[in-house]
Amino acid sequence: TAFLHGDLEEEVYMEQPPGFVVRGDSSLVCRLRRPFDALKQSSRAWFGKFNTVIQKFDFDMIRREADHSVFYRRSSPNLCIYLVVYVDDML
């Protein structure tokens, strides 16, 4: 899933999943190193990483001010390329 490639901006802890609990000590928790699709902030973390990659590789894509999930590049006066991001899909 694309969400595994994002970076968490804060420390996130969760209860241990069934089967991982140390016998007799169910009070332990796990610290997440990567987001996953069940976290609220996963989509935002992935998009932040995606935006960084788009800028880093210099595709000359400009992010629209009105809609931050739309990138475009004008190749010539008659040709404009659009990249639309919806959650973890690209069009």
Protein backbone atom coordinates (compact mmCIF):
# COMPACT_ATOMS: atom_id res chain seq x y z
CA THR A 1 0.00 0.00 0.00
CA ALA A 2 1.15 3.54 -0.71
CA PHE A 3 0.55 4.61 2.88
CA LEU A 4 3.55 2.61 4.11
CA HIS A 5 5.85 5.02 2.26
CA GLY A 6 4.86 8.13 4.19
CA ASP A 7 6.72 9.55 7.18
CA LEU A 8 5.01 10.11 10.52
CA GLU A 9 5.43 13.62 11.90
CA GLU A 10 4.70 12.60 15.49
CA GLU A 11 5.14 9.58 17.72
CA VAL A 12 2.20 7.19 17.46
CA TYR A 13 1.55 4.28 19.81
CA MET A 14 -0.99 1.49 19.56
CA GLU A 15 -2.09 -1.49 21.59
CA GLN A 16 -0.35 -4.71 20.71
CA PRO A 17 -2.18 -6.76 18.09
CA PRO A 18 -3.62 -10.13 19.14
CA GLY A 19 -0.92 -12.78 19.16
CA PHE A 20 1.88 -10.34 20.01
CA VAL A 21 0.95 -9.72 23.63
CA VAL A 22 3.59 -10.92 26.09
CA ARG A 23 1.97 -13.45 28.40
CA GLY A 24 0.87 -11.75 31.59
CA ASP A 25 1.69 -8.22 30.43
CA SER A 26 -1.04 -6.80 28.21
CA SER A 27 -0.21 -3.22 29.22
CA LEU A 28 2.68 -2.96 26.72
CA VAL A 29 2.17 -0.86 23.59
CA CYS A 30 3.91 -0.63 20.20
CA ARG A 31 5.46 2.52 18.75
CA LEU A 32 4.79 2.81 15.03
CA ARG A 33 7.70 3.59 12.74
CA ARG A 34 5.57 3.89 9.61
CA PRO A 35 1.96 4.86 8.93
CA PHE A 36 -0.51 2.29 7.69
CA ASP A 37 -3.93 2.60 6.09
CA ALA A 38 -5.92 2.52 9.35
CA LEU A 39 -4.31 5.70 10.73
CA LYS A 40 -6.07 9.02 10.21
CA GLN A 41 -2.80 10.76 9.31
CA SER A 42 -1.61 8.12 6.79
CA SER A 43 -3.06 9.86 3.75
CA ARG A 44 -1.49 13.18 4.73
CA ALA A 45 1.89 11.54 5.42
CA TRP A 46 1.87 9.80 2.04
CA PHE A 47 0.90 12.96 0.18
CA GLY A 48 3.67 14.90 1.92
CA LYS A 49 6.20 12.29 0.79
CA PHE A 50 4.75 12.28 -2.74
CA ASN A 51 4.96 16.07 -2.96
CA THR A 52 8.60 15.99 -1.80
CA VAL A 53 9.48 13.41 -4.47
CA ILE A 54 7.75 15.40 -7.22
CA GLN A 55 9.76 18.50 -6.25
CA LYS A 56 13.04 16.59 -5.72
CA PHE A 57 13.13 14.96 -9.13
CA ASP A 58 12.40 18.28 -10.85
CA PHE A 59 9.54 17.19 -13.08
CA ASP A 60 8.72 20.90 -13.43
CA MET A 61 5.28 20.15 -12.04
CA ILE A 62 3.54 23.07 -10.35
CA ARG A 63 1.03 22.45 -7.58
CA ARG A 64 -2.18 24.43 -8.04
CA GLU A 65 -2.97 26.95 -5.34
CA ALA A 66 -6.72 26.31 -5.52
CA ASP A 67 -6.41 22.51 -5.26
CA HIS A 68 -3.22 21.10 -3.78
CA SER A 69 -3.88 17.64 -5.19
CA VAL A 70 -3.57 18.89 -8.79
CA PHE A 71 -0.15 19.34 -10.38
CA TYR A 72 0.43 20.65 -13.88
CA ARG A 73 3.19 21.33 -16.35
CA ARG A 74 2.90 23.45 -19.47
CA SER A 75 5.10 21.79 -22.10
CA SER A 76 4.21 24.22 -24.86
CA PRO A 77 1.59 26.93 -25.43
CA ASN A 78 -0.85 24.29 -26.70
CA LEU A 79 0.01 21.40 -24.36
CA CYS A 80 -0.56 21.17 -20.63
CA ILE A 81 0.02 18.00 -18.60
CA TYR A 82 -2.06 17.44 -15.47
CA LEU A 83 -1.41 15.02 -12.62
CA VAL A 84 -4.35 14.59 -10.25
CA VAL A 85 -3.90 12.80 -6.92
CA TYR A 86 -6.92 11.31 -5.17
CA VAL A 87 -6.04 9.63 -1.86
CA ASP A 88 -3.36 7.22 -3.15
CA ASP A 89 -4.39 7.12 -6.82
CA MET A 90 -2.97 9.24 -9.63
CA LEU A 91 -4.69 10.20 -12.87
